[in-house]
Amino acid sequence: MEPEHKLAWYVLFQNHTMGLSLDKLLKKAGLHATIVPTPRALSHSCGIALALQPDELDAVRALIEREHADILEIAGVERDIDPRRDRYC
C-alpha cells in the first residue's frame, strides 16, 4: 500500500443516513470530515463518503469503535492530483 501521506482517506457507508450520523458525531468530537461524493474507485457504497484528515485517522477509528458507528469501511485511495488540470496555456 502507498505511504499514508499519498492517500486520501474516506469512510464509506451503506446509506446516506449512516454518513450523516457519523459526520455529526465527528463534529461533536472536534474532528474534521467533509461530506463528498464517493470516489469512483470506491463506488461500491452509497453516493456519499466522508473525507478524513490523514492526521486524524486514528482518532476517527477510535470514535467509530467507541460509538459503534455503522460503516462499511475506511478506505484509502491514491491522491489523483494533476497540477496541469484546468490549465489551457
Protein backbone atom coordinates (compact mmCIF):
# COMPACT_ATOMS: atom_id res chain seq x y z
CA MET A 1 0.00 0.00 0.00
CA GLU A 2 1.11 3.59 -0.62
CA PRO A 3 2.52 5.75 2.20
CA GLU A 4 -0.30 7.38 4.15
CA HIS A 5 0.60 10.92 3.01
CA LYS A 6 -0.07 9.93 -0.60
CA LEU A 7 -3.52 8.57 0.20
CA ALA A 8 -6.84 10.32 0.58
CA TRP A 9 -8.95 8.61 3.27
CA TYR A 10 -12.71 8.09 3.12
CA VAL A 11 -15.35 6.49 5.32
CA LEU A 12 -17.86 4.54 3.25
CA PHE A 13 -21.47 3.82 4.19
CA GLN A 14 -24.35 1.61 3.18
CA ASN A 15 -26.68 4.62 3.10
CA HIS A 16 -26.54 8.38 3.48
CA THR A 17 -28.25 8.37 6.90
CA MET A 18 -25.29 6.50 8.39
CA GLY A 19 -22.92 9.02 6.82
CA LEU A 20 -24.79 12.00 8.21
CA SER A 21 -24.88 10.40 11.68
CA LEU A 22 -21.13 9.84 11.73
CA ASP A 23 -20.50 13.35 10.41
CA LYS A 24 -22.47 14.72 13.35
CA LEU A 25 -20.51 12.55 15.83
CA LEU A 26 -17.18 13.64 14.35
CA LYS A 27 -18.06 17.32 14.50
CA LYS A 28 -19.24 16.96 18.11
CA ALA A 29 -15.87 15.36 18.97
CA GLY A 30 -13.98 18.20 17.27
CA LEU A 31 -12.75 16.05 14.38
CA HIS A 32 -12.78 17.18 10.77
CA ALA A 33 -14.61 15.45 7.95
CA THR A 34 -16.11 16.63 4.69
CA ILE A 35 -19.15 15.09 3.04
CA VAL A 36 -18.12 14.26 -0.53
CA PRO A 37 -19.37 12.13 -3.41
CA THR A 38 -18.00 8.60 -3.14
CA PRO A 39 -14.85 8.39 -5.29
CA ARG A 40 -15.28 6.23 -8.38
CA ALA A 41 -12.53 3.86 -7.23
CA LEU A 42 -14.62 3.15 -4.10
CA SER A 43 -18.08 3.25 -5.66
CA HIS A 44 -19.35 0.05 -4.02
CA SER A 45 -21.06 2.14 -1.32
CA CYS A 46 -23.88 4.69 -1.31
CA GLY A 47 -23.39 8.03 -3.03
CA ILE A 48 -21.70 9.87 -0.16
CA ALA A 49 -18.50 9.38 1.77
CA LEU A 50 -16.69 11.31 4.47
CA ALA A 51 -13.25 12.60 3.50
CA LEU A 52 -10.93 12.49 6.51
CA GLN A 53 -7.82 14.36 7.56
CA PRO A 54 -4.95 11.83 7.45
CA ASP A 55 -3.57 13.02 10.80
CA GLU A 56 -6.95 12.34 12.49
CA LEU A 57 -7.34 8.81 11.13
CA ASP A 58 -6.57 7.05 14.42
CA ALA A 59 -8.92 9.33 16.37
CA VAL A 60 -11.72 8.69 13.84
CA ARG A 61 -11.20 4.93 14.07
CA ALA A 62 -11.33 5.13 17.88
CA LEU A 63 -14.53 7.19 17.80
CA ILE A 64 -16.18 4.75 15.37
CA GLU A 65 -15.30 1.84 17.64
CA ARG A 66 -16.32 3.64 20.84
CA GLU A 67 -19.67 4.81 19.42
CA HIS A 68 -20.33 1.57 17.48
CA ALA A 69 -20.93 3.67 14.37
CA ASP A 70 -22.27 1.71 11.42
CA ILE A 71 -19.88 2.00 8.46
CA LEU A 72 -18.82 -0.21 5.56
CA GLU A 73 -15.13 0.61 5.79
CA ILE A 74 -12.43 3.23 5.94
CA ALA A 75 -10.56 3.19 2.65
CA GLY A 76 -7.56 4.99 1.28
CA VAL A 77 -7.08 5.79 -2.38
CA GLU A 78 -4.09 7.35 -4.09
CA ARG A 79 -4.47 11.08 -4.42
CA ASP A 80 -5.22 11.99 -8.01
CA ILE A 81 -3.79 15.50 -8.17
CA ASP A 82 -2.89 16.73 -11.62
CA PRO A 83 -1.12 20.10 -11.43
CA ARG A 84 -1.91 20.68 -15.13
CA ARG A 85 -5.65 20.23 -14.66
CA ASP A 86 -7.70 23.15 -15.94
CA ARG A 87 -4.63 24.84 -17.45
CA TYR A 88 -5.16 25.85 -21.02
CA CYS A 89 -2.00 27.75 -21.85
